[in-house]
Amino acid sequence: MEVVINEGYGKFGYDTELKAMFHYWKGFLLLEEVKHVAETTNPLMKELGLVNVVADHTEMELFSDDVVSYISSTWIPEQEKAGVKNIFVVLSEETFAKFSAEDMHEQAKATSLIEISHFGNINDAIAAVKSKNAAI
């Protein structure tokens, strides 16, 4: 993975072979942090022709309402415009964080045609990326 952001709130990078941007989130996310990741990774996804996002939430805490609103109504539709077709999410085992992510993804489906899938671990998510790429 080619790392483009490595901060306290996560590590973010891409793998051109998998046609994927990877988001390894950590802790409680501030809206400014989420916007920084979006504004940095969206142009790269478009430029590199990445069609998949793998978002690992295992070390993340609950989403705030403003972050949920931004991701579901702005960021995911912008990812779609950048060419993203699939988002593979590794859900947190923490109950409230898991439900928060699931609710946010339901909201996002109203504004985007991106397929959003949930997984229990990163290996299953990456296997799904490889399977999706092979079907193209």
N, C-alpha and C. Protein backbone atom coordinates (compact mmCIF):
# COMPACT_ATOMS: atom_id res chain seq x y z
N MET A 1 0.84 -1.18 0.00
CA MET A 1 0.00 0.00 0.00
C MET A 1 0.89 1.24 0.00
N GLU A 2 0.60 2.17 -0.87
CA GLU A 2 1.28 3.46 -0.93
C GLU A 2 0.54 4.41 0.01
N VAL A 3 1.18 4.80 1.11
CA VAL A 3 0.55 5.63 2.14
C VAL A 3 0.58 7.10 1.72
N VAL A 4 -0.59 7.77 1.84
CA VAL A 4 -0.67 9.20 1.52
C VAL A 4 -0.95 10.06 2.76
N ILE A 5 -1.57 9.48 3.78
CA ILE A 5 -1.81 10.17 5.06
C ILE A 5 -1.53 9.16 6.17
N ASN A 6 -0.76 9.58 7.16
CA ASN A 6 -0.51 8.74 8.33
C ASN A 6 -0.54 9.66 9.56
N GLU A 7 -1.71 9.71 10.20
CA GLU A 7 -1.95 10.60 11.33
C GLU A 7 -2.52 9.82 12.50
N GLY A 8 -2.72 10.47 13.62
CA GLY A 8 -3.29 9.83 14.80
C GLY A 8 -4.68 9.27 14.56
N TYR A 9 -5.42 9.85 13.65
CA TYR A 9 -6.78 9.39 13.35
C TYR A 9 -6.83 8.31 12.27
N GLY A 10 -5.66 7.91 11.75
CA GLY A 10 -5.65 6.80 10.81
C GLY A 10 -4.55 6.84 9.78
N LYS A 11 -4.51 5.76 9.00
CA LYS A 11 -3.56 5.62 7.91
C LYS A 11 -4.38 5.41 6.64
N PHE A 12 -3.98 6.11 5.56
CA PHE A 12 -4.75 6.09 4.33
C PHE A 12 -3.80 5.97 3.15
N GLY A 13 -4.13 5.06 2.25
CA GLY A 13 -3.28 4.87 1.09
C GLY A 13 -3.98 4.05 0.04
N TYR A 14 -3.24 3.71 -1.01
CA TYR A 14 -3.86 3.01 -2.13
C TYR A 14 -3.01 1.84 -2.60
N ASP A 15 -3.68 0.94 -3.30
CA ASP A 15 -3.06 -0.22 -3.93
C ASP A 15 -3.61 -0.28 -5.35
N THR A 16 -2.77 0.07 -6.33
CA THR A 16 -3.26 0.12 -7.71
C THR A 16 -3.60 -1.27 -8.25
N GLU A 17 -2.90 -2.30 -7.76
CA GLU A 17 -3.20 -3.66 -8.21
C GLU A 17 -4.62 -4.08 -7.82
N LEU A 18 -5.04 -3.69 -6.63
CA LEU A 18 -6.39 -4.00 -6.16
C LEU A 18 -7.41 -2.93 -6.59
N LYS A 19 -6.91 -1.87 -7.24
CA LYS A 19 -7.76 -0.75 -7.64
C LYS A 19 -8.52 -0.20 -6.43
N ALA A 20 -7.78 -0.07 -5.30
CA ALA A 20 -8.44 0.26 -4.04
C ALA A 20 -7.71 1.34 -3.25
N MET A 21 -8.51 2.18 -2.62
CA MET A 21 -8.04 3.12 -1.61
C MET A 21 -8.34 2.48 -0.26
N PHE A 22 -7.39 2.52 0.65
CA PHE A 22 -7.55 1.92 1.98
C PHE A 22 -7.64 3.03 3.02
N HIS A 23 -8.63 2.90 3.90
CA HIS A 23 -8.83 3.83 5.02
C HIS A 23 -8.79 3.02 6.31
N TYR A 24 -7.76 3.20 7.10
CA TYR A 24 -7.65 2.55 8.41
C TYR A 24 -7.90 3.62 9.46
N TRP A 25 -9.15 3.77 9.89
CA TRP A 25 -9.55 4.82 10.82
C TRP A 25 -9.22 4.43 12.27
N LYS A 26 -8.95 5.45 13.10
CA LYS A 26 -8.66 5.23 14.53
C LYS A 26 -9.37 6.28 15.37
N GLY A 27 -9.93 5.84 16.49
CA GLY A 27 -10.47 6.76 17.49
C GLY A 27 -11.75 7.46 17.07
N PHE A 28 -12.02 8.55 17.77
CA PHE A 28 -13.20 9.37 17.51
C PHE A 28 -12.83 10.40 16.45
N LEU A 29 -13.57 10.42 15.34
CA LEU A 29 -13.22 11.26 14.20
C LEU A 29 -13.82 12.66 14.29
N LEU A 30 -12.99 13.64 14.05
CA LEU A 30 -13.45 15.02 13.95
C LEU A 30 -13.80 15.31 12.49
N LEU A 31 -14.77 16.17 12.28
CA LEU A 31 -15.21 16.49 10.92
C LEU A 31 -14.04 17.00 10.07
N GLU A 32 -13.18 17.84 10.64
CA GLU A 32 -12.05 18.38 9.88
C GLU A 32 -11.12 17.27 9.40
N GLU A 33 -10.93 16.22 10.23
CA GLU A 33 -10.07 15.09 9.85
C GLU A 33 -10.69 14.32 8.68
N VAL A 34 -11.98 14.08 8.77
CA VAL A 34 -12.68 13.34 7.73
C VAL A 34 -12.64 14.12 6.41
N LYS A 35 -12.87 15.43 6.49
CA LYS A 35 -12.81 16.25 5.28
C LYS A 35 -11.41 16.24 4.67
N HIS A 36 -10.38 16.29 5.52
CA HIS A 36 -9.00 16.25 5.01
C HIS A 36 -8.74 14.95 4.24
N VAL A 37 -9.20 13.84 4.79
CA VAL A 37 -9.02 12.56 4.09
C VAL A 37 -9.79 12.56 2.77
N ALA A 38 -11.02 13.04 2.80
CA ALA A 38 -11.83 13.09 1.57
C ALA A 38 -11.17 13.94 0.50
N GLU A 39 -10.73 15.14 0.90
CA GLU A 39 -10.15 16.08 -0.06
C GLU A 39 -8.79 15.61 -0.59
N THR A 40 -8.13 14.74 0.15
CA THR A 40 -6.84 14.20 -0.28
C THR A 40 -7.03 12.95 -1.14
N THR A 41 -7.94 12.06 -0.72
CA THR A 41 -8.05 10.77 -1.41
C THR A 41 -8.96 10.80 -2.65
N ASN A 42 -10.00 11.62 -2.65
CA ASN A 42 -10.90 11.63 -3.81
C ASN A 42 -10.18 11.95 -5.12
N PRO A 43 -9.35 13.01 -5.17
CA PRO A 43 -8.64 13.27 -6.43
C PRO A 43 -7.70 12.14 -6.84
N LEU A 44 -7.08 11.50 -5.85
CA LEU A 44 -6.20 10.36 -6.17
C LEU A 44 -6.98 9.19 -6.75
N MET A 45 -8.16 8.92 -6.20
CA MET A 45 -8.97 7.82 -6.71
C MET A 45 -9.33 8.06 -8.17
N LYS A 46 -9.71 9.28 -8.48
CA LYS A 46 -10.07 9.62 -9.86
C LYS A 46 -8.85 9.51 -10.77
N GLU A 47 -7.73 10.10 -10.35
CA GLU A 47 -6.50 10.10 -11.14
C GLU A 47 -5.98 8.69 -11.41
N LEU A 48 -6.04 7.83 -10.40
CA LEU A 48 -5.48 6.48 -10.51
C LEU A 48 -6.49 5.43 -11.00
N GLY A 49 -7.74 5.82 -11.17
CA GLY A 49 -8.76 4.88 -11.63
C GLY A 49 -9.13 3.84 -10.60
N LEU A 50 -9.11 4.23 -9.32
CA LEU A 50 -9.46 3.30 -8.25
C LEU A 50 -10.98 3.21 -8.15
N VAL A 51 -11.51 2.00 -8.13
CA VAL A 51 -12.96 1.80 -8.10
C VAL A 51 -13.45 1.22 -6.78
N ASN A 52 -12.52 0.90 -5.87
CA ASN A 52 -12.86 0.28 -4.59
C ASN A 52 -12.30 1.11 -3.43
N VAL A 53 -13.05 1.12 -2.33
CA VAL A 53 -12.56 1.68 -1.08
C VAL A 53 -12.71 0.59 -0.03
N VAL A 54 -11.62 0.35 0.71
CA VAL A 54 -11.67 -0.56 1.85
C VAL A 54 -11.52 0.31 3.10
N ALA A 55 -12.56 0.34 3.92
CA ALA A 55 -12.56 1.18 5.12
C ALA A 55 -12.58 0.27 6.36
N ASP A 56 -11.49 0.29 7.09
CA ASP A 56 -11.35 -0.53 8.28
C ASP A 56 -11.73 0.30 9.51
N HIS A 57 -12.83 -0.08 10.16
CA HIS A 57 -13.35 0.66 11.32
C HIS A 57 -13.02 -0.04 12.64
N THR A 58 -12.19 -1.09 12.63
CA THR A 58 -11.99 -1.89 13.84
C THR A 58 -11.38 -1.10 15.00
N GLU A 59 -10.64 -0.02 14.72
CA GLU A 59 -10.04 0.78 15.79
C GLU A 59 -10.72 2.14 15.94
N MET A 60 -11.91 2.25 15.38
CA MET A 60 -12.61 3.52 15.38
C MET A 60 -13.72 3.54 16.43
N GLU A 61 -14.05 4.75 16.88
CA GLU A 61 -15.15 4.92 17.82
C GLU A 61 -16.39 5.42 17.08
N LEU A 62 -17.43 5.66 17.82
CA LEU A 62 -18.71 6.12 17.29
C LEU A 62 -18.58 7.33 16.37
N PHE A 63 -19.39 7.38 15.31
CA PHE A 63 -19.46 8.54 14.41
C PHE A 63 -20.31 9.63 15.05
N SER A 64 -19.87 10.88 14.96
CA SER A 64 -20.71 12.00 15.41
C SER A 64 -21.74 12.29 14.32
N ASP A 65 -22.80 13.02 14.69
CA ASP A 65 -23.85 13.33 13.72
C ASP A 65 -23.32 14.15 12.54
N ASP A 66 -22.41 15.10 12.80
CA ASP A 66 -21.91 15.91 11.69
C ASP A 66 -21.03 15.10 10.74
N VAL A 67 -20.28 14.13 11.27
CA VAL A 67 -19.47 13.26 10.42
C VAL A 67 -20.38 12.35 9.60
N VAL A 68 -21.41 11.79 10.22
CA VAL A 68 -22.37 10.94 9.49
C VAL A 68 -23.00 11.73 8.35
N SER A 69 -23.44 12.93 8.63
CA SER A 69 -24.08 13.76 7.61
C SER A 69 -23.12 14.05 6.46
N TYR A 70 -21.90 14.44 6.77
CA TYR A 70 -20.91 14.75 5.74
C TYR A 70 -20.60 13.52 4.87
N ILE A 71 -20.33 12.40 5.51
CA ILE A 71 -19.97 11.19 4.76
C ILE A 71 -21.12 10.73 3.88
N SER A 72 -22.32 10.66 4.43
CA SER A 72 -23.45 10.11 3.67
C SER A 72 -23.96 11.07 2.60
N SER A 73 -23.96 12.38 2.86
CA SER A 73 -24.55 13.30 1.88
C SER A 73 -23.53 13.97 0.96
N THR A 74 -22.26 13.98 1.35
CA THR A 74 -21.25 14.66 0.54
C THR A 74 -20.14 13.73 0.06
N TRP A 75 -19.45 13.08 1.00
CA TRP A 75 -18.26 12.34 0.61
C TRP A 75 -18.58 11.14 -0.29
N ILE A 76 -19.52 10.31 0.10
CA ILE A 76 -19.82 9.12 -0.72
C ILE A 76 -20.31 9.52 -2.10
N PRO A 77 -21.21 10.50 -2.25
CA PRO A 77 -21.56 10.94 -3.62
C PRO A 77 -20.35 11.47 -4.40
N GLU A 78 -19.43 12.16 -3.72
CA GLU A 78 -18.22 12.64 -4.40
C GLU A 78 -17.31 11.48 -4.81
N GLN A 79 -17.27 10.42 -4.00
CA GLN A 79 -16.50 9.24 -4.38
C GLN A 79 -17.10 8.62 -5.65
N GLU A 80 -18.42 8.59 -5.71
CA GLU A 80 -19.08 8.04 -6.90
C GLU A 80 -18.68 8.86 -8.14
N LYS A 81 -18.66 10.19 -8.03
CA LYS A 81 -18.25 11.04 -9.15
C LYS A 81 -16.79 10.79 -9.53
N ALA A 82 -15.97 10.38 -8.55
CA ALA A 82 -14.56 10.08 -8.81
C ALA A 82 -14.36 8.71 -9.44
N GLY A 83 -15.44 7.92 -9.54
CA GLY A 83 -15.35 6.61 -10.19
C GLY A 83 -15.46 5.41 -9.27
N VAL A 84 -15.65 5.64 -7.98
CA VAL A 84 -15.76 4.52 -7.03
C VAL A 84 -17.06 3.77 -7.27
N LYS A 85 -16.96 2.45 -7.29
CA LYS A 85 -18.13 1.57 -7.49
C LYS A 85 -18.49 0.78 -6.23
N ASN A 86 -17.48 0.50 -5.39
CA ASN A 86 -17.68 -0.39 -4.24
C ASN A 86 -16.97 0.14 -3.00
N ILE A 87 -17.64 0.02 -1.85
CA ILE A 87 -17.02 0.31 -0.56
C ILE A 87 -17.15 -0.94 0.30
N PHE A 88 -16.02 -1.43 0.77
CA PHE A 88 -15.95 -2.63 1.59
C PHE A 88 -15.57 -2.19 3.00
N VAL A 89 -16.49 -2.32 3.95
CA VAL A 89 -16.28 -1.80 5.30
C VAL A 89 -16.07 -2.95 6.29
N VAL A 90 -14.95 -2.87 7.01
CA VAL A 90 -14.70 -3.80 8.11
C VAL A 90 -15.24 -3.11 9.35
N LEU A 91 -16.34 -3.64 9.87
CA LEU A 91 -17.04 -3.01 10.98
C LEU A 91 -16.33 -3.21 12.31
N SER A 92 -16.47 -2.22 13.17
CA SER A 92 -15.97 -2.31 14.54
C SER A 92 -16.77 -3.37 15.29
N GLU A 93 -16.13 -4.02 16.25
CA GLU A 93 -16.87 -4.96 17.10
C GLU A 93 -17.62 -4.23 18.19
N GLU A 94 -17.30 -2.97 18.42
CA GLU A 94 -17.98 -2.15 19.42
C GLU A 94 -19.39 -1.87 18.91
N THR A 95 -20.38 -2.24 19.68
CA THR A 95 -21.78 -2.22 19.23
C THR A 95 -22.24 -0.88 18.72
N PHE A 96 -22.02 0.19 19.46
CA PHE A 96 -22.51 1.50 19.03
C PHE A 96 -21.80 1.99 17.77
N ALA A 97 -20.51 1.75 17.67
CA ALA A 97 -19.77 2.15 16.46
C ALA A 97 -20.27 1.36 15.25
N LYS A 98 -20.54 0.09 15.45
CA LYS A 98 -21.04 -0.77 14.37
C LYS A 98 -22.41 -0.27 13.89
N PHE A 99 -23.32 -0.03 14.82
CA PHE A 99 -24.66 0.45 14.44
C PHE A 99 -24.60 1.82 13.79
N SER A 100 -23.71 2.68 14.28
CA SER A 100 -23.55 4.00 13.70
C SER A 100 -23.11 3.91 12.24
N ALA A 101 -22.14 3.04 11.96
CA ALA A 101 -21.67 2.86 10.59
C ALA A 101 -22.77 2.28 9.70
N GLU A 102 -23.48 1.30 10.21
CA GLU A 102 -24.55 0.69 9.41
C GLU A 102 -25.64 1.71 9.09
N ASP A 103 -26.00 2.54 10.06
CA ASP A 103 -27.00 3.58 9.83
C ASP A 103 -26.51 4.59 8.80
N MET A 104 -25.25 5.00 8.92
CA MET A 104 -24.68 5.96 7.97
C MET A 104 -24.72 5.39 6.56
N HIS A 105 -24.41 4.13 6.41
CA HIS A 105 -24.39 3.52 5.07
C HIS A 105 -25.80 3.41 4.49
N GLU A 106 -26.77 3.19 5.33
CA GLU A 106 -28.16 3.20 4.86
C GLU A 106 -28.54 4.57 4.33
N GLN A 107 -28.12 5.62 5.04
CA GLN A 107 -28.38 6.99 4.57
C GLN A 107 -27.66 7.26 3.25
N ALA A 108 -26.45 6.77 3.12
CA ALA A 108 -25.65 7.00 1.90
C ALA A 108 -26.29 6.35 0.68
N LYS A 109 -26.95 5.24 0.88
CA LYS A 109 -27.57 4.54 -0.24
C LYS A 109 -28.67 5.38 -0.90
N ALA A 110 -29.19 6.38 -0.18
CA ALA A 110 -30.21 7.26 -0.74
C ALA A 110 -29.61 8.29 -1.69
N THR A 111 -28.30 8.54 -1.60
CA THR A 111 -27.66 9.58 -2.42
C THR A 111 -26.61 9.03 -3.38
N SER A 112 -26.41 7.71 -3.41
CA SER A 112 -25.34 7.15 -4.22
C SER A 112 -25.68 5.74 -4.68
N LEU A 113 -25.12 5.36 -5.82
CA LEU A 113 -25.29 4.00 -6.33
C LEU A 113 -24.11 3.10 -5.98
N ILE A 114 -23.18 3.61 -5.19
CA ILE A 114 -22.04 2.80 -4.76
C ILE A 114 -22.55 1.62 -3.94
N GLU A 115 -22.01 0.44 -4.22
CA GLU A 115 -22.36 -0.76 -3.45
C GLU A 115 -21.53 -0.76 -2.17
N ILE A 116 -22.20 -0.85 -1.02
CA ILE A 116 -21.52 -0.84 0.28
C ILE A 116 -21.73 -2.20 0.93
N SER A 117 -20.62 -2.89 1.24
CA SER A 117 -20.67 -4.21 1.87
C SER A 117 -19.96 -4.16 3.21
N HIS A 118 -20.44 -4.95 4.17
CA HIS A 118 -19.85 -5.00 5.51
C HIS A 118 -19.18 -6.34 5.75
N PHE A 119 -18.06 -6.30 6.49
CA PHE A 119 -17.28 -7.50 6.78
C PHE A 119 -16.83 -7.50 8.23
N GLY A 120 -16.46 -8.67 8.73
CA GLY A 120 -16.01 -8.83 10.10
C GLY A 120 -14.51 -8.71 10.25
N ASN A 121 -13.76 -8.82 9.13
CA ASN A 121 -12.31 -8.70 9.20
C ASN A 121 -11.74 -8.24 7.86
N ILE A 122 -10.52 -7.74 7.89
CA ILE A 122 -9.88 -7.16 6.71
C ILE A 122 -9.62 -8.22 5.64
N ASN A 123 -9.29 -9.44 6.03
CA ASN A 123 -9.01 -10.47 5.04
C ASN A 123 -10.24 -10.79 4.18
N ASP A 124 -11.41 -10.85 4.81
CA ASP A 124 -12.64 -11.08 4.05
C ASP A 124 -12.95 -9.91 3.12
N ALA A 125 -12.69 -8.70 3.58
CA ALA A 125 -12.92 -7.52 2.74
C ALA A 125 -12.00 -7.53 1.52
N ILE A 126 -10.74 -7.85 1.72
CA ILE A 126 -9.79 -7.88 0.60
C ILE A 126 -10.14 -9.01 -0.37
N ALA A 127 -10.56 -10.15 0.15
CA ALA A 127 -11.00 -11.25 -0.72
C ALA A 127 -12.19 -10.81 -1.58
N ALA A 128 -13.09 -10.03 -0.99
CA ALA A 128 -14.25 -9.53 -1.74
C ALA A 128 -13.81 -8.55 -2.82
N VAL A 129 -12.82 -7.71 -2.53
CA VAL A 129 -12.28 -6.79 -3.53
C VAL A 129 -11.72 -7.59 -4.70
N LYS A 130 -10.91 -8.61 -4.41
CA LYS A 130 -10.32 -9.43 -5.47
C LYS A 130 -11.39 -10.12 -6.30
N SER A 131 -12.42 -10.61 -5.65
CA SER A 131 -13.52 -11.27 -6.35
C SER A 131 -14.26 -10.27 -7.26
N LYS A 132 -14.52 -9.08 -6.75
CA LYS A 132 -15.22 -8.05 -7.52
C LYS A 132 -14.36 -7.64 -8.72
N ASN A 133 -13.06 -7.48 -8.52
CA ASN A 133 -12.16 -7.11 -9.62
C ASN A 133 -12.12 -8.20 -10.68
N ALA A 134 -12.14 -9.45 -10.26
CA ALA A 134 -12.07 -10.57 -11.22
C ALA A 134 -13.33 -10.64 -12.07
N ALA A 135 -14.45 -10.14 -11.54
CA ALA A 135 -15.73 -10.19 -12.27
C ALA A 135 -15.84 -9.08 -13.33
N ILE A 136 -14.91 -8.14 -13.29
CA ILE A 136 -14.97 -7.01 -14.25
C ILE A 136 -14.52 -7.47 -15.63
